Amino acid sequence: MSTASHTADSKPITYRLDLGEGWTRIRLDEHADADVNAFLDLAFAAVPADAAEAGRGLIAGRLNTQIVAGRAKGGIDFYIPTPGGGPMPALTVMASEVKIPSAAVPEPADVVARVAASNPTARTGVIAGMPAVRIDRSAGLDPEAEAAEEDADDDGPQPPRPRHVEYVVPVAGDPDHRWLSIALTGQAGPGGDEAKVDAAVSRFDQAVAELAWTEAEAETEAEGPAS
């Protein structure tokens, strides 16, 4: 799927991110309401309208809260599991525009190196032809903390492990020197299958590795659930 975002007097950031089947994109621009309604129509397709009203309102409220929060942080789109087919109900992917605060325009490779040096879980590479960094802030990555948790309760049920994996990559050829952040957050939920979350993270890594820059979408394009 292609997507775009722009700040005042800037051309849209346009990219293609293929998360595979089971994800729905909610655009955070003027298309947000239409995308939310399409998601709700799919979620409640088998429920009579009267019976679905309360549930639609509840989920719409939650999605609108995410939309407002995402816009405040430079959000472009967020992706959520498609009803009935998503990889994990409690996972979300957010794509956001980022500007690096600096008196002078920094070299992307230098920014990536500094970020990697200050984050022990970071690793660097090349994505869409640009130097990029992957930072894993997921809980349980500190070996000492993890060992202490295992010693404290070896036999009891383990709580779900929150995941937070973020990629940051400079936008190729952007005159405003913006960056694109793509972050997966969430967890399995009570009684959830951590293996499924691991698989979703792996698929997310693959999707970001295949990220591509694209031309802007036509204004008339309509898009439903991702595939």
C-alpha atoms as a PDB file:
ATOM      1  CA  MET A   1       0.000   0.000   0.000  1.00  0.00           C
ATOM      2  CA  SER A   2       1.209   3.513  -0.716  1.00  0.00           C
ATOM      3  CA  THR A   3       0.758   6.337   1.715  1.00  0.00           C
ATOM      4  CA  ALA A   4       1.626   9.991   2.075  1.00  0.00           C
ATOM      5  CA  SER A   5       2.019  12.787   4.603  1.00  0.00           C
ATOM      6  CA  HIS A   6       3.250  16.346   4.460  1.00  0.00           C
ATOM      7  CA  THR A   7       3.908  19.352   6.644  1.00  0.00           C
ATOM      8  CA  ALA A   8       3.154  22.931   5.654  1.00  0.00           C
ATOM      9  CA  ASP A   9       4.913  23.939   2.396  1.00  0.00           C
ATOM     10  CA  SER A  10       6.450  20.464   2.099  1.00  0.00           C
ATOM     11  CA  LYS A  11       5.786  17.786  -0.452  1.00  0.00           C
ATOM     12  CA  PRO A  12       4.112  14.675   0.919  1.00  0.00           C
ATOM     13  CA  ILE A  13       6.253  11.838   2.212  1.00  0.00           C
ATOM     14  CA  THR A  14       5.183   8.892   0.090  1.00  0.00           C
ATOM     15  CA  TYR A  15       6.178   5.316   0.741  1.00  0.00           C
ATOM     16  CA  ARG A  16       5.041   1.750   0.220  1.00  0.00           C
ATOM     17  CA  LEU A  17       4.864  -0.651   3.178  1.00  0.00           C
ATOM     18  CA  ASP A  18       3.521  -4.143   2.552  1.00  0.00           C
ATOM     19  CA  LEU A  19       2.650  -5.693   5.903  1.00  0.00           C
ATOM     20  CA  GLY A  20       0.883  -8.596   4.210  1.00  0.00           C
ATOM     21  CA  GLU A  21      -2.613  -9.891   4.742  1.00  0.00           C
ATOM     22  CA  GLY A  22      -4.444  -9.145   7.940  1.00  0.00           C
ATOM     23  CA  TRP A  23      -3.657  -5.444   8.389  1.00  0.00           C
ATOM     24  CA  THR A  24      -5.863  -2.390   7.817  1.00  0.00           C
ATOM     25  CA  ARG A  25      -4.429   1.081   7.280  1.00  0.00           C
ATOM     26  CA  ILE A  26      -6.034   4.095   8.941  1.00  0.00           C
ATOM     27  CA  ARG A  27      -4.813   7.290   7.305  1.00  0.00           C
ATOM     28  CA  LEU A  28      -4.390  10.202   9.674  1.00  0.00           C
ATOM     29  CA  ASP A  29      -5.303  12.904   7.156  1.00  0.00           C
ATOM     30  CA  GLU A  30      -8.733  13.882   5.867  1.00  0.00           C
ATOM     31  CA  HIS A  31      -9.394  10.238   4.961  1.00  0.00           C
ATOM     32  CA  ALA A  32      -9.356   9.102   8.598  1.00  0.00           C
ATOM     33  CA  ASP A  33     -13.131   9.094   9.105  1.00  0.00           C
ATOM     34  CA  ALA A  34     -13.715   7.099   5.928  1.00  0.00           C
ATOM     35  CA  ASP A  35     -11.056   4.563   6.884  1.00  0.00           C
ATOM     36  CA  VAL A  36     -12.508   4.133  10.381  1.00  0.00           C
ATOM     37  CA  ASN A  37     -16.020   3.652   8.986  1.00  0.00           C
ATOM     38  CA  ALA A  38     -14.753   1.051   6.498  1.00  0.00           C
ATOM     39  CA  PHE A  39     -13.008  -0.796   9.328  1.00  0.00           C
ATOM     40  CA  LEU A  40     -16.162  -0.754  11.465  1.00  0.00           C
ATOM     41  CA  ASP A  41     -18.328  -1.912   8.561  1.00  0.00           C
ATOM     42  CA  LEU A  42     -16.066  -4.934   8.176  1.00  0.00           C
ATOM     43  CA  ALA A  43     -15.868  -5.603  11.906  1.00  0.00           C
ATOM     44  CA  PHE A  44     -19.656  -5.577  12.340  1.00  0.00           C
ATOM     45  CA  ALA A  45     -20.682  -6.941   8.940  1.00  0.00           C
ATOM     46  CA  ALA A  46     -22.431  -9.946  10.512  1.00  0.00           C
ATOM     47  CA  VAL A  47     -24.082  -8.000  13.342  1.00  0.00           C
ATOM     48  CA  PRO A  48     -27.514  -6.349  13.002  1.00  0.00           C
ATOM     49  CA  ALA A  49     -27.244  -2.564  12.913  1.00  0.00           C
ATOM     50  CA  ASP A  50     -29.164  -2.033  16.153  1.00  0.00           C
ATOM     51  CA  ALA A  51     -27.046  -4.549  18.048  1.00  0.00           C
ATOM     52  CA  ALA A  52     -23.819  -3.165  16.575  1.00  0.00           C
ATOM     53  CA  GLU A  53     -24.424   0.463  17.496  1.00  0.00           C
ATOM     54  CA  ALA A  54     -22.874   0.373  20.975  1.00  0.00           C
ATOM     55  CA  GLY A  55     -19.869  -1.679  19.872  1.00  0.00           C
ATOM     56  CA  ARG A  56     -19.232   0.561  16.862  1.00  0.00           C
ATOM     57  CA  GLY A  57     -19.330   3.624  19.070  1.00  0.00           C
ATOM     58  CA  LEU A  58     -16.884   2.136  21.565  1.00  0.00           C
ATOM     59  CA  ILE A  59     -14.343   1.076  18.945  1.00  0.00           C
ATOM     60  CA  ALA A  60     -14.748   4.309  16.988  1.00  0.00           C
ATOM     61  CA  GLY A  61     -13.969   6.252  20.154  1.00  0.00           C
ATOM     62  CA  ARG A  62     -10.802   4.259  20.748  1.00  0.00           C
ATOM     63  CA  LEU A  63      -9.675   4.673  17.150  1.00  0.00           C
ATOM     64  CA  ASN A  64     -10.356   8.406  17.219  1.00  0.00           C
ATOM     65  CA  THR A  65      -8.238   8.682  20.361  1.00  0.00           C
ATOM     66  CA  GLN A  66      -5.392   6.949  18.523  1.00  0.00           C
ATOM     67  CA  ILE A  67      -5.863   9.245  15.534  1.00  0.00           C
ATOM     68  CA  VAL A  68      -5.637  12.392  17.663  1.00  0.00           C
ATOM     69  CA  ALA A  69      -2.574  11.079  19.516  1.00  0.00           C
ATOM     70  CA  GLY A  70      -0.924  10.000  16.269  1.00  0.00           C
ATOM     71  CA  ARG A  71      -1.461  13.358  14.581  1.00  0.00           C
ATOM     72  CA  ALA A  72       0.063  15.132  17.582  1.00  0.00           C
ATOM     73  CA  LYS A  73       3.247  13.100  17.084  1.00  0.00           C
ATOM     74  CA  GLY A  74       3.581  13.645  13.345  1.00  0.00           C
ATOM     75  CA  GLY A  75       1.676  10.491  12.460  1.00  0.00           C
ATOM     76  CA  ILE A  76       1.011   9.624   8.822  1.00  0.00           C
ATOM     77  CA  ASP A  77      -0.857   6.328   9.160  1.00  0.00           C
ATOM     78  CA  PHE A  78      -1.434   3.588  11.649  1.00  0.00           C
ATOM     79  CA  TYR A  79      -2.099  -0.049  10.883  1.00  0.00           C
ATOM     80  CA  ILE A  80      -4.240  -2.380  12.956  1.00  0.00           C
ATOM     81  CA  PRO A  81      -5.221  -6.032  12.548  1.00  0.00           C
ATOM     82  CA  THR A  82      -8.115  -6.524  10.164  1.00  0.00           C
ATOM     83  CA  PRO A  83     -11.203  -7.923  11.934  1.00  0.00           C
ATOM     84  CA  GLY A  84     -11.216 -11.700  11.756  1.00  0.00           C
ATOM     85  CA  GLY A  85      -7.828 -11.993  10.098  1.00  0.00           C
ATOM     86  CA  GLY A  86      -5.250  -9.960  11.973  1.00  0.00           C
ATOM     87  CA  PRO A  87      -1.993 -11.444  13.241  1.00  0.00           C
ATOM     88  CA  MET A  88      -2.562 -10.275  16.831  1.00  0.00           C
ATOM     89  CA  PRO A  89      -5.339  -8.074  18.243  1.00  0.00           C
ATOM     90  CA  ALA A  90      -3.084  -5.992  20.479  1.00  0.00           C
ATOM     91  CA  LEU A  91      -0.462  -4.938  17.906  1.00  0.00           C
ATOM     92  CA  THR A  92      -0.309  -1.582  16.130  1.00  0.00           C
ATOM     93  CA  VAL A  93       2.082  -0.181  13.531  1.00  0.00           C
ATOM     94  CA  MET A  94       2.501   3.596  13.350  1.00  0.00           C
ATOM     95  CA  ALA A  95       4.249   5.514  10.570  1.00  0.00           C
ATOM     96  CA  SER A  96       5.282   9.050  11.510  1.00  0.00           C
ATOM     97  CA  GLU A  97       7.207  11.976  10.094  1.00  0.00           C
ATOM     98  CA  VAL A  98      10.274  12.973  12.091  1.00  0.00           C
ATOM     99  CA  LYS A  99      12.536  16.006  11.875  1.00  0.00           C
ATOM    100  CA  ILE A 100      15.946  15.814  13.513  1.00  0.00           C
ATOM    101  CA  PRO A 101      16.565  18.951  15.631  1.00  0.00           C
ATOM    102  CA  SER A 102      19.900  20.421  14.609  1.00  0.00           C
ATOM    103  CA  ALA A 103      21.422  23.831  13.869  1.00  0.00           C
ATOM    104  CA  ALA A 104      22.940  22.380  10.698  1.00  0.00           C
ATOM    105  CA  VAL A 105      21.712  19.634   8.429  1.00  0.00           C
ATOM    106  CA  PRO A 106      23.225  16.420   9.830  1.00  0.00           C
ATOM    107  CA  GLU A 107      24.520  13.642   7.654  1.00  0.00           C
ATOM    108  CA  PRO A 108      22.075  10.705   7.849  1.00  0.00           C
ATOM    109  CA  ALA A 109      24.884   8.242   8.481  1.00  0.00           C
ATOM    110  CA  ASP A 110      26.103  10.344  11.422  1.00  0.00           C
ATOM    111  CA  VAL A 111      22.601  10.494  12.924  1.00  0.00           C
ATOM    112  CA  VAL A 112      22.198   6.741  12.581  1.00  0.00           C
ATOM    113  CA  ALA A 113      25.589   6.133  14.183  1.00  0.00           C
ATOM    114  CA  ARG A 114      24.779   8.403  17.150  1.00  0.00           C
ATOM    115  CA  VAL A 115      21.401   6.764  17.724  1.00  0.00           C
ATOM    116  CA  ALA A 116      22.937   3.300  17.543  1.00  0.00           C
ATOM    117  CA  ALA A 117      25.719   4.264  19.951  1.00  0.00           C
ATOM    118  CA  SER A 118      23.209   5.436  22.562  1.00  0.00           C
ATOM    119  CA  ASN A 119      20.904   2.419  22.302  1.00  0.00           C
ATOM    120  CA  PRO A 120      22.345  -1.007  23.188  1.00  0.00           C
ATOM    121  CA  THR A 121      19.540  -2.811  21.328  1.00  0.00           C
ATOM    122  CA  ALA A 122      19.962  -0.783  18.122  1.00  0.00           C
ATOM    123  CA  ARG A 123      21.265  -2.154  14.875  1.00  0.00           C
ATOM    124  CA  THR A 124      21.964  -0.346  11.636  1.00  0.00           C
ATOM    125  CA  GLY A 125      21.510  -1.136   7.972  1.00  0.00           C
ATOM    126  CA  VAL A 126      20.245   0.207   4.665  1.00  0.00           C
ATOM    127  CA  ILE A 127      16.520   0.543   3.940  1.00  0.00           C
ATOM    128  CA  ALA A 128      15.082   1.947   0.714  1.00  0.00           C
ATOM    129  CA  GLY A 129      18.565   3.034  -0.276  1.00  0.00           C
ATOM    130  CA  MET A 130      19.160   5.053   2.903  1.00  0.00           C
ATOM    131  CA  PRO A 131      21.077   4.425   6.155  1.00  0.00           C
ATOM    132  CA  ALA A 132      18.629   3.368   8.845  1.00  0.00           C
ATOM    133  CA  VAL A 133      18.486   2.214  12.438  1.00  0.00           C
ATOM    134  CA  ARG A 134      16.295  -0.362  14.183  1.00  0.00           C
ATOM    135  CA  ILE A 135      15.733   0.098  17.922  1.00  0.00           C
ATOM    136  CA  ASP A 136      14.102  -2.618  20.014  1.00  0.00           C
ATOM    137  CA  ARG A 137      12.690  -1.215  23.241  1.00  0.00           C
ATOM    138  CA  SER A 138      10.682  -4.335  24.023  1.00  0.00           C
ATOM    139  CA  ALA A 139      10.442  -5.387  27.645  1.00  0.00           C
ATOM    140  CA  GLY A 140      12.668  -8.265  28.712  1.00  0.00           C
ATOM    141  CA  LEU A 141      15.669  -7.372  26.559  1.00  0.00           C
ATOM    142  CA  ASP A 142      17.856  -6.561  29.572  1.00  0.00           C
ATOM    143  CA  PRO A 143      19.586  -9.902  30.349  1.00  0.00           C
ATOM    144  CA  GLU A 144      20.064  -9.051  34.044  1.00  0.00           C
ATOM    145  CA  ALA A 145      16.438  -7.992  34.503  1.00  0.00           C
ATOM    146  CA  GLU A 146      15.221 -11.037  32.615  1.00  0.00           C
ATOM    147  CA  ALA A 147      17.301 -13.395  34.777  1.00  0.00           C
ATOM    148  CA  ALA A 148      15.952 -11.772  37.940  1.00  0.00           C
ATOM    149  CA  GLU A 149      12.377 -12.229  36.743  1.00  0.00           C
ATOM    150  CA  GLU A 150      13.018 -15.905  35.960  1.00  0.00           C
ATOM    151  CA  ASP A 151      14.535 -16.498  39.419  1.00  0.00           C
ATOM    152  CA  ALA A 152      11.588 -14.777  41.089  1.00  0.00           C
ATOM    153  CA  ASP A 153       8.954 -16.919  39.433  1.00  0.00           C
ATOM    154  CA  ASP A 154      10.132 -19.918  37.443  1.00  0.00           C
ATOM    155  CA  ASP A 155       6.898 -21.875  37.675  1.00  0.00           C
ATOM    156  CA  GLY A 156       4.135 -19.262  37.577  1.00  0.00           C
ATOM    157  CA  PRO A 157       2.517 -17.913  34.408  1.00  0.00           C
ATOM    158  CA  GLN A 158       4.541 -15.199  32.743  1.00  0.00           C
ATOM    159  CA  PRO A 159       2.835 -11.895  31.889  1.00  0.00           C
ATOM    160  CA  PRO A 160       2.717 -10.872  28.229  1.00  0.00           C
ATOM    161  CA  ARG A 161       5.883  -9.114  27.097  1.00  0.00           C
ATOM    162  CA  PRO A 162       5.289  -5.625  25.679  1.00  0.00           C
ATOM    163  CA  ARG A 163       6.924  -5.099  22.306  1.00  0.00           C
ATOM    164  CA  HIS A 164       8.233  -1.847  20.850  1.00  0.00           C
ATOM    165  CA  VAL A 165      10.308  -2.070  17.683  1.00  0.00           C
ATOM    166  CA  GLU A 166      11.044   1.133  15.774  1.00  0.00           C
ATOM    167  CA  TYR A 167      12.820   1.839  12.508  1.00  0.00           C
ATOM    168  CA  VAL A 168      13.980   5.352  11.627  1.00  0.00           C
ATOM    169  CA  VAL A 169      15.097   6.109   8.068  1.00  0.00           C
ATOM    170  CA  PRO A 170      15.782   9.404   6.262  1.00  0.00           C
ATOM    171  CA  VAL A 171      13.436  10.195   3.387  1.00  0.00           C
ATOM    172  CA  ALA A 172      15.368   9.876   0.142  1.00  0.00           C
ATOM    173  CA  GLY A 173      15.802  13.150  -1.736  1.00  0.00           C
ATOM    174  CA  ASP A 174      13.715  15.160   0.727  1.00  0.00           C
ATOM    175  CA  PRO A 175      14.649  18.880   0.637  1.00  0.00           C
ATOM    176  CA  ASP A 176      13.362  19.280   4.208  1.00  0.00           C
ATOM    177  CA  HIS A 177      15.607  16.472   5.472  1.00  0.00           C
ATOM    178  CA  ARG A 178      12.749  14.627   7.139  1.00  0.00           C
ATOM    179  CA  TRP A 179      12.860  11.105   8.491  1.00  0.00           C
ATOM    180  CA  LEU A 180      10.270   8.346   8.552  1.00  0.00           C
ATOM    181  CA  SER A 181       9.631   6.422  11.754  1.00  0.00           C
ATOM    182  CA  ILE A 182       7.840   3.078  11.531  1.00  0.00           C
ATOM    183  CA  ALA A 183       7.105   1.506  14.903  1.00  0.00           C
ATOM    184  CA  LEU A 184       5.365  -1.688  15.984  1.00  0.00           C
ATOM    185  CA  THR A 185       3.965  -1.707  19.518  1.00  0.00           C
ATOM    186  CA  GLY A 186       1.733  -3.976  21.570  1.00  0.00           C
ATOM    187  CA  GLN A 187       1.684  -7.377  23.234  1.00  0.00           C
ATOM    188  CA  ALA A 188       0.019 -10.755  23.102  1.00  0.00           C
ATOM    189  CA  GLY A 189      -2.612  -9.955  25.714  1.00  0.00           C
ATOM    190  CA  PRO A 190      -3.628 -12.206  28.648  1.00  0.00           C
ATOM    191  CA  GLY A 191      -3.193 -15.831  27.680  1.00  0.00           C
ATOM    192  CA  GLY A 192      -1.917 -14.821  24.253  1.00  0.00           C
ATOM    193  CA  ASP A 193       0.563 -16.747  22.154  1.00  0.00           C
ATOM    194  CA  GLU A 194       3.988 -15.105  22.273  1.00  0.00           C
ATOM    195  CA  ALA A 195       5.059 -17.172  19.256  1.00  0.00           C
ATOM    196  CA  LYS A 196       2.415 -15.422  17.155  1.00  0.00           C
ATOM    197  CA  VAL A 197       3.713 -12.059  18.302  1.00  0.00           C
ATOM    198  CA  ASP A 198       7.262 -13.143  17.407  1.00  0.00           C
ATOM    199  CA  ALA A 199       6.018 -14.111  13.946  1.00  0.00           C
ATOM    200  CA  ALA A 200       4.281 -10.747  13.539  1.00  0.00           C
ATOM    201  CA  VAL A 201       7.478  -8.921  14.529  1.00  0.00           C
ATOM    202  CA  SER A 202       9.439 -10.968  11.992  1.00  0.00           C
ATOM    203  CA  ARG A 203       6.917 -10.116   9.277  1.00  0.00           C
ATOM    204  CA  PHE A 204       7.138  -6.453  10.282  1.00  0.00           C
ATOM    205  CA  ASP A 205      10.928  -6.577   9.954  1.00  0.00           C
ATOM    206  CA  GLN A 206      10.558  -8.081   6.485  1.00  0.00           C
ATOM    207  CA  ALA A 207       8.029  -5.437   5.430  1.00  0.00           C
ATOM    208  CA  VAL A 208      10.272  -2.574   6.536  1.00  0.00           C
ATOM    209  CA  ALA A 209      13.268  -4.163   4.808  1.00  0.00           C
ATOM    210  CA  GLU A 210      11.223  -3.969   1.589  1.00  0.00           C
ATOM    211  CA  LEU A 211      10.110  -0.350   2.152  1.00  0.00           C
ATOM    212  CA  ALA A 212      10.056   1.741  -1.030  1.00  0.00           C
ATOM    213  CA  TRP A 213       9.555   5.416  -1.845  1.00  0.00           C
ATOM    214  CA  THR A 214       6.643   6.092  -4.178  1.00  0.00           C
ATOM    215  CA  GLU A 215       4.819   8.829  -6.026  1.00  0.00           C
ATOM    216  CA  ALA A 216       1.945  10.593  -4.279  1.00  0.00           C
ATOM    217  CA  GLU A 217      -1.438   8.882  -4.330  1.00  0.00           C
ATOM    218  CA  ALA A 218      -4.182  10.259  -6.495  1.00  0.00           C
ATOM    219  CA  GLU A 219      -6.618  12.358  -4.512  1.00  0.00           C
ATOM    220  CA  THR A 220      -9.504  10.202  -5.689  1.00  0.00           C
ATOM    221  CA  GLU A 221      -7.970   6.888  -4.609  1.00  0.00           C
ATOM    222  CA  ALA A 222      -9.996   4.964  -2.081  1.00  0.00           C
ATOM    223  CA  GLU A 223      -8.483   2.168  -0.047  1.00  0.00           C
ATOM    224  CA  GLY A 224      -9.894  -0.353   2.388  1.00  0.00           C
ATOM    225  CA  PRO A 225      -8.175  -3.111   4.339  1.00  0.00           C
ATOM    226  CA  ALA A 226      -4.566  -3.810   3.419  1.00  0.00           C
ATOM    227  CA  SER A 227      -3.712  -6.949   1.577  1.00  0.00           C
END
